[in-house]
Amino acid sequence: MKLFVGAICSLLAVVTSGPAACDESLLAHFEVTVRDANDVKVVRSAPAVAFGKPIEHDLGTYRLSLLIEAAESDGYVLTVSLVPAGPIGTAIVKESFKGRLAGPTAGPLEFNMERNGVQVSGAMTISRLPVR
C-alpha cells in the first residue's frame, strides 16, 4: 500500500507543480514582527504546515496571514499579508517571497516590507518532517 501511495504522490508531483506538491509533512519555524506608530507585535511559532493552507494569527488591530505554496525543486513561495482586524478589507501589506526547504544549502528565508508606516519583518525556515 505504501508503494502505491508513493507512486500516486510521484505521479501527482509530475502532473502538478513539482516534487514538493504531494509532500505535506512539513514544519515551519518562524518569527514575524509587526510595527506601527503605536505598537509592536511579535509572533513566534513552529506549526506543522501544508502547502496551500494559510497560517493565520490575530494580532488585535491586525490579522497576519502566511501562505506557503509549493514551487519546483524543493522551493516554495511565501505570501505574507497583513489586513486590518474586523470585516475583510484590503491588505495593508502583502508580498511574496521565494524560499527553499531547509537543508545544507538553504537557511531561513528573511523578509522585510513596509507600507504607510506599518512594517512587517521576519524569518521562516520550512523543513520536511521525518517519515514515520
N, C-alpha and C. Protein backbone atom coordinates (compact mmCIF):
# COMPACT_ATOMS: atom_id res chain seq x y z
N MET A 1 0.82 -1.19 0.00
CA MET A 1 0.00 0.00 0.00
C MET A 1 0.86 1.26 0.00
N LYS A 2 1.95 1.24 0.83
CA LYS A 2 2.84 2.41 0.86
C LYS A 2 3.43 2.68 -0.51
N LEU A 3 3.81 1.61 -1.20
CA LEU A 3 4.38 1.76 -2.54
C LEU A 3 3.37 2.39 -3.48
N PHE A 4 2.11 1.97 -3.39
CA PHE A 4 1.05 2.52 -4.24
C PHE A 4 0.86 4.01 -3.95
N VAL A 5 0.78 4.38 -2.67
CA VAL A 5 0.61 5.79 -2.29
C VAL A 5 1.80 6.61 -2.76
N GLY A 6 3.02 6.06 -2.61
CA GLY A 6 4.21 6.76 -3.08
C GLY A 6 4.18 6.99 -4.57
N ALA A 7 3.71 5.99 -5.31
CA ALA A 7 3.62 6.11 -6.77
C ALA A 7 2.60 7.18 -7.15
N ILE A 8 1.48 7.21 -6.45
CA ILE A 8 0.46 8.23 -6.72
C ILE A 8 1.02 9.63 -6.44
N CYS A 9 1.73 9.78 -5.30
CA CYS A 9 2.33 11.08 -4.97
C CYS A 9 3.34 11.49 -6.03
N SER A 10 4.16 10.55 -6.49
CA SER A 10 5.14 10.86 -7.53
C SER A 10 4.45 11.30 -8.81
N LEU A 11 3.38 10.62 -9.18
CA LEU A 11 2.63 10.98 -10.37
C LEU A 11 2.00 12.35 -10.22
N LEU A 12 1.39 12.62 -9.08
CA LEU A 12 0.80 13.93 -8.83
C LEU A 12 1.85 15.03 -8.85
N ALA A 13 3.03 14.76 -8.32
CA ALA A 13 4.10 15.75 -8.31
C ALA A 13 4.50 16.12 -9.73
N VAL A 14 4.56 15.14 -10.62
CA VAL A 14 4.92 15.42 -12.00
C VAL A 14 3.81 16.21 -12.68
N VAL A 15 2.56 15.84 -12.43
CA VAL A 15 1.43 16.50 -13.08
C VAL A 15 1.21 17.91 -12.55
N THR A 16 1.46 18.13 -11.24
CA THR A 16 1.22 19.45 -10.64
C THR A 16 2.47 20.29 -10.69
N SER A 17 2.87 20.84 -9.57
CA SER A 17 3.93 21.85 -9.60
C SER A 17 5.31 21.36 -9.25
N GLY A 18 5.55 20.10 -9.07
CA GLY A 18 6.89 19.64 -8.78
C GLY A 18 6.91 18.65 -7.65
N PRO A 19 8.09 18.26 -7.19
CA PRO A 19 8.21 17.20 -6.22
C PRO A 19 7.60 17.49 -4.87
N ALA A 20 7.53 18.74 -4.45
CA ALA A 20 7.02 19.06 -3.13
C ALA A 20 5.49 19.13 -3.08
N ALA A 21 4.82 19.05 -4.22
CA ALA A 21 3.38 19.26 -4.25
C ALA A 21 2.61 18.24 -3.43
N CYS A 22 3.08 17.00 -3.36
CA CYS A 22 2.35 15.96 -2.65
C CYS A 22 2.82 15.81 -1.21
N ASP A 23 3.96 16.37 -0.88
CA ASP A 23 4.55 16.22 0.44
C ASP A 23 3.98 17.28 1.37
N GLU A 24 3.08 16.88 2.26
CA GLU A 24 2.51 17.83 3.20
C GLU A 24 3.05 17.63 4.60
N SER A 25 4.11 16.85 4.76
CA SER A 25 4.72 16.61 6.06
C SER A 25 5.81 17.65 6.29
N LEU A 26 5.39 18.88 6.58
CA LEU A 26 6.31 19.99 6.72
C LEU A 26 6.20 20.64 8.08
N LEU A 27 7.29 21.26 8.51
CA LEU A 27 7.32 22.00 9.77
C LEU A 27 7.87 23.39 9.47
N ALA A 28 7.17 24.42 9.91
CA ALA A 28 7.61 25.80 9.71
C ALA A 28 8.02 26.39 11.04
N HIS A 29 9.21 26.95 11.10
CA HIS A 29 9.65 27.72 12.26
C HIS A 29 9.69 29.17 11.79
N PHE A 30 8.99 30.05 12.49
CA PHE A 30 9.03 31.44 12.05
C PHE A 30 8.87 32.42 13.20
N GLU A 31 9.35 33.62 12.92
CA GLU A 31 9.14 34.76 13.80
C GLU A 31 8.81 35.94 12.91
N VAL A 32 7.70 36.61 13.22
CA VAL A 32 7.26 37.77 12.45
C VAL A 32 7.02 38.91 13.43
N THR A 33 7.53 40.10 13.07
CA THR A 33 7.33 41.29 13.88
C THR A 33 6.53 42.31 13.08
N VAL A 34 5.48 42.85 13.70
CA VAL A 34 4.66 43.88 13.07
C VAL A 34 4.80 45.14 13.91
N ARG A 35 5.26 46.23 13.27
CA ARG A 35 5.46 47.50 13.96
C ARG A 35 4.63 48.58 13.29
N ASP A 36 3.96 49.37 14.11
CA ASP A 36 3.34 50.59 13.60
C ASP A 36 3.67 51.70 14.60
N ALA A 37 3.11 52.87 14.43
CA ALA A 37 3.45 54.01 15.29
C ALA A 37 3.06 53.77 16.74
N ASN A 38 2.10 52.89 17.00
CA ASN A 38 1.57 52.71 18.35
C ASN A 38 1.99 51.42 19.05
N ASP A 39 2.47 50.41 18.31
CA ASP A 39 2.62 49.10 18.92
C ASP A 39 3.63 48.24 18.17
N VAL A 40 4.11 47.22 18.87
CA VAL A 40 4.96 46.19 18.27
C VAL A 40 4.39 44.84 18.69
N LYS A 41 4.13 43.98 17.74
CA LYS A 41 3.63 42.63 18.00
C LYS A 41 4.63 41.64 17.40
N VAL A 42 4.92 40.57 18.15
CA VAL A 42 5.83 39.53 17.68
C VAL A 42 5.12 38.19 17.76
N VAL A 43 5.19 37.44 16.68
CA VAL A 43 4.60 36.10 16.63
C VAL A 43 5.74 35.11 16.40
N ARG A 44 5.86 34.13 17.29
CA ARG A 44 6.83 33.04 17.13
C ARG A 44 6.05 31.74 17.16
N SER A 45 6.34 30.87 16.21
CA SER A 45 5.60 29.61 16.17
C SER A 45 6.39 28.57 15.39
N ALA A 46 6.02 27.32 15.61
CA ALA A 46 6.63 26.20 14.88
C ALA A 46 5.57 25.15 14.58
N PRO A 47 4.58 25.50 13.75
CA PRO A 47 3.50 24.55 13.48
C PRO A 47 3.83 23.59 12.33
N ALA A 48 3.14 22.46 12.33
CA ALA A 48 3.13 21.60 11.16
C ALA A 48 2.28 22.34 10.13
N VAL A 49 2.72 22.33 8.89
CA VAL A 49 2.03 23.10 7.84
C VAL A 49 1.80 22.23 6.62
N ALA A 50 0.92 22.71 5.77
CA ALA A 50 0.65 22.07 4.49
C ALA A 50 0.65 23.15 3.42
N PHE A 51 1.18 22.81 2.25
CA PHE A 51 1.16 23.75 1.15
C PHE A 51 -0.29 24.16 0.85
N GLY A 52 -0.49 25.45 0.62
CA GLY A 52 -1.79 25.96 0.21
C GLY A 52 -2.76 26.27 1.33
N LYS A 53 -2.40 25.97 2.58
CA LYS A 53 -3.28 26.27 3.71
C LYS A 53 -2.66 27.39 4.54
N PRO A 54 -3.34 28.55 4.63
CA PRO A 54 -2.74 29.69 5.32
C PRO A 54 -2.59 29.47 6.83
N ILE A 55 -1.54 30.07 7.36
CA ILE A 55 -1.33 30.14 8.81
C ILE A 55 -1.78 31.54 9.20
N GLU A 56 -2.73 31.66 10.11
CA GLU A 56 -3.28 32.97 10.45
C GLU A 56 -3.13 33.26 11.94
N HIS A 57 -2.85 34.53 12.24
CA HIS A 57 -2.71 34.98 13.62
C HIS A 57 -3.47 36.28 13.82
N ASP A 58 -4.24 36.35 14.90
CA ASP A 58 -4.95 37.56 15.29
C ASP A 58 -4.01 38.40 16.15
N LEU A 59 -3.71 39.61 15.70
CA LEU A 59 -2.80 40.49 16.42
C LEU A 59 -3.53 41.69 17.03
N GLY A 60 -4.79 41.55 17.31
CA GLY A 60 -5.56 42.67 17.88
C GLY A 60 -6.07 43.59 16.78
N THR A 61 -5.27 44.58 16.41
CA THR A 61 -5.70 45.53 15.37
C THR A 61 -5.45 45.00 13.96
N TYR A 62 -4.69 43.92 13.85
CA TYR A 62 -4.37 43.34 12.55
C TYR A 62 -4.58 41.83 12.56
N ARG A 63 -4.67 41.26 11.35
CA ARG A 63 -4.63 39.82 11.14
C ARG A 63 -3.47 39.53 10.20
N LEU A 64 -2.62 38.61 10.62
CA LEU A 64 -1.46 38.21 9.84
C LEU A 64 -1.75 36.88 9.18
N SER A 65 -1.43 36.76 7.90
CA SER A 65 -1.62 35.51 7.17
C SER A 65 -0.34 35.16 6.44
N LEU A 66 0.08 33.90 6.59
CA LEU A 66 1.26 33.36 5.91
C LEU A 66 0.79 32.19 5.06
N LEU A 67 0.94 32.30 3.76
CA LEU A 67 0.52 31.25 2.84
C LEU A 67 1.76 30.68 2.17
N ILE A 68 1.93 29.37 2.28
CA ILE A 68 3.10 28.69 1.71
C ILE A 68 2.61 27.82 0.56
N GLU A 69 3.17 28.06 -0.62
CA GLU A 69 2.79 27.28 -1.79
C GLU A 69 4.02 26.59 -2.37
N ALA A 70 3.83 25.40 -2.88
CA ALA A 70 4.93 24.61 -3.45
C ALA A 70 5.45 25.26 -4.72
N ALA A 71 6.75 25.14 -4.90
CA ALA A 71 7.41 25.55 -6.14
C ALA A 71 8.32 24.40 -6.56
N GLU A 72 8.97 24.53 -7.68
CA GLU A 72 9.80 23.45 -8.21
C GLU A 72 11.05 23.22 -7.37
N SER A 73 11.54 21.99 -7.39
CA SER A 73 12.83 21.60 -6.81
C SER A 73 13.01 22.04 -5.36
N ASP A 74 12.16 21.57 -4.47
CA ASP A 74 12.25 21.88 -3.04
C ASP A 74 12.09 23.37 -2.73
N GLY A 75 11.50 24.11 -3.63
CA GLY A 75 11.26 25.53 -3.39
C GLY A 75 9.85 25.76 -2.90
N TYR A 76 9.63 26.95 -2.41
CA TYR A 76 8.28 27.36 -2.00
C TYR A 76 8.15 28.87 -2.17
N VAL A 77 6.92 29.33 -2.20
CA VAL A 77 6.63 30.76 -2.25
C VAL A 77 5.84 31.09 -1.00
N LEU A 78 6.34 32.04 -0.24
CA LEU A 78 5.68 32.51 0.97
C LEU A 78 5.01 33.83 0.66
N THR A 79 3.70 33.92 0.88
CA THR A 79 2.98 35.18 0.73
C THR A 79 2.58 35.65 2.12
N VAL A 80 3.06 36.84 2.48
CA VAL A 80 2.79 37.44 3.77
C VAL A 80 1.77 38.55 3.56
N SER A 81 0.65 38.49 4.30
CA SER A 81 -0.41 39.50 4.20
C SER A 81 -0.75 40.02 5.58
N LEU A 82 -0.96 41.31 5.69
CA LEU A 82 -1.41 41.93 6.92
C LEU A 82 -2.64 42.76 6.59
N VAL A 83 -3.76 42.44 7.23
CA VAL A 83 -5.01 43.17 6.98
C VAL A 83 -5.53 43.72 8.29
N PRO A 84 -6.33 44.79 8.23
CA PRO A 84 -6.93 45.31 9.47
C PRO A 84 -7.87 44.27 10.07
N ALA A 85 -7.96 44.25 11.38
CA ALA A 85 -8.91 43.35 12.06
C ALA A 85 -10.32 43.79 11.72
N GLY A 86 -11.26 42.88 11.87
CA GLY A 86 -12.65 43.20 11.59
C GLY A 86 -13.07 42.67 10.24
N PRO A 87 -14.04 43.34 9.62
CA PRO A 87 -14.52 42.88 8.31
C PRO A 87 -13.36 42.79 7.32
N ILE A 88 -13.48 41.86 6.40
CA ILE A 88 -12.42 41.67 5.42
C ILE A 88 -12.19 42.97 4.67
N GLY A 89 -10.94 43.37 4.66
CA GLY A 89 -10.58 44.61 3.99
C GLY A 89 -9.39 44.40 3.09
N THR A 90 -8.91 45.48 2.54
CA THR A 90 -7.75 45.44 1.67
C THR A 90 -6.49 45.25 2.50
N ALA A 91 -5.58 44.47 1.99
CA ALA A 91 -4.32 44.22 2.70
C ALA A 91 -3.53 45.51 2.84
N ILE A 92 -3.03 45.73 4.05
CA ILE A 92 -2.15 46.87 4.30
C ILE A 92 -0.80 46.59 3.68
N VAL A 93 -0.33 45.38 3.89
CA VAL A 93 0.95 44.93 3.35
C VAL A 93 0.73 43.52 2.80
N LYS A 94 1.21 43.27 1.58
CA LYS A 94 1.13 41.93 1.01
C LYS A 94 2.26 41.78 0.00
N GLU A 95 3.05 40.73 0.19
CA GLU A 95 4.17 40.50 -0.71
C GLU A 95 4.53 39.02 -0.69
N SER A 96 5.09 38.54 -1.79
CA SER A 96 5.50 37.14 -1.90
C SER A 96 7.02 37.05 -2.00
N PHE A 97 7.55 35.96 -1.42
CA PHE A 97 8.99 35.73 -1.37
C PHE A 97 9.27 34.28 -1.75
N LYS A 98 10.36 34.05 -2.47
CA LYS A 98 10.74 32.69 -2.86
C LYS A 98 11.77 32.15 -1.87
N GLY A 99 11.55 30.91 -1.41
CA GLY A 99 12.47 30.26 -0.50
C GLY A 99 12.71 28.82 -0.89
N ARG A 100 13.57 28.16 -0.13
CA ARG A 100 13.88 26.75 -0.35
C ARG A 100 13.72 26.02 0.97
N LEU A 101 13.29 24.75 0.90
CA LEU A 101 13.21 23.94 2.10
C LEU A 101 14.58 23.89 2.76
N ALA A 102 14.60 23.86 4.08
CA ALA A 102 15.86 23.87 4.83
C ALA A 102 16.73 22.69 4.45
N GLY A 103 18.00 22.94 4.37
CA GLY A 103 18.95 21.90 4.03
C GLY A 103 20.36 22.47 4.09
N PRO A 104 21.33 21.70 3.64
CA PRO A 104 22.73 22.15 3.72
C PRO A 104 23.00 23.45 2.96
N THR A 105 22.23 23.72 1.92
CA THR A 105 22.47 24.92 1.12
C THR A 105 21.36 25.96 1.26
N ALA A 106 20.43 25.75 2.17
CA ALA A 106 19.32 26.69 2.32
C ALA A 106 19.03 26.94 3.79
N GLY A 107 19.14 28.19 4.18
CA GLY A 107 18.83 28.59 5.55
C GLY A 107 17.48 29.27 5.59
N PRO A 108 17.25 30.10 6.60
CA PRO A 108 15.96 30.76 6.73
C PRO A 108 15.71 31.79 5.62
N LEU A 109 14.45 31.93 5.28
CA LEU A 109 14.00 32.97 4.36
C LEU A 109 13.71 34.21 5.21
N GLU A 110 14.40 35.30 4.95
CA GLU A 110 14.17 36.54 5.69
C GLU A 110 13.39 37.50 4.81
N PHE A 111 12.49 38.27 5.43
CA PHE A 111 11.70 39.23 4.67
C PHE A 111 11.49 40.50 5.48
N ASN A 112 11.28 41.59 4.77
CA ASN A 112 11.05 42.89 5.39
C ASN A 112 10.26 43.74 4.40
N MET A 113 9.15 44.27 4.84
CA MET A 113 8.34 45.12 3.98
C MET A 113 7.69 46.21 4.82
N GLU A 114 7.43 47.34 4.18
CA GLU A 114 6.84 48.47 4.90
C GLU A 114 5.92 49.24 3.97
N ARG A 115 4.82 49.71 4.56
CA ARG A 115 3.86 50.49 3.78
C ARG A 115 3.06 51.35 4.73
N ASN A 116 2.95 52.61 4.44
CA ASN A 116 2.15 53.57 5.22
C ASN A 116 2.47 53.50 6.72
N GLY A 117 3.73 53.40 7.07
CA GLY A 117 4.12 53.40 8.47
C GLY A 117 3.96 52.08 9.20
N VAL A 118 3.57 51.02 8.49
CA VAL A 118 3.45 49.69 9.09
C VAL A 118 4.56 48.82 8.51
N GLN A 119 5.37 48.24 9.40
CA GLN A 119 6.49 47.39 8.98
C GLN A 119 6.23 45.95 9.41
N VAL A 120 6.46 45.04 8.49
CA VAL A 120 6.36 43.60 8.77
C VAL A 120 7.70 42.99 8.38
N SER A 121 8.34 42.33 9.35
CA SER A 121 9.63 41.71 9.07
C SER A 121 9.67 40.36 9.78
N GLY A 122 10.54 39.50 9.30
CA GLY A 122 10.64 38.20 9.95
C GLY A 122 11.52 37.24 9.21
N ALA A 123 11.49 36.00 9.68
CA ALA A 123 12.26 34.92 9.07
C ALA A 123 11.47 33.63 9.22
N MET A 124 11.63 32.74 8.24
CA MET A 124 10.93 31.46 8.25
C MET A 124 11.85 30.37 7.71
N THR A 125 11.82 29.22 8.37
CA THR A 125 12.51 28.03 7.89
C THR A 125 11.46 26.93 7.77
N ILE A 126 11.43 26.28 6.62
CA ILE A 126 10.49 25.17 6.42
C ILE A 126 11.32 23.92 6.14
N SER A 127 10.99 22.86 6.85
CA SER A 127 11.70 21.59 6.66
C SER A 127 10.70 20.46 6.59
N ARG A 128 11.14 19.34 6.03
CA ARG A 128 10.30 18.16 5.96
C ARG A 128 10.31 17.47 7.32
N LEU A 129 9.16 17.00 7.74
CA LEU A 129 9.08 16.19 8.95
C LEU A 129 9.55 14.78 8.62
N PRO A 130 10.20 14.11 9.54
CA PRO A 130 10.63 12.73 9.27
C PRO A 130 9.42 11.83 9.01
N VAL A 131 9.57 10.91 8.07
CA VAL A 131 8.52 9.95 7.75
C VAL A 131 8.52 8.89 8.85
N ARG A 132 7.32 8.56 9.36
CA ARG A 132 7.21 7.58 10.45
C ARG A 132 6.76 6.26 9.94
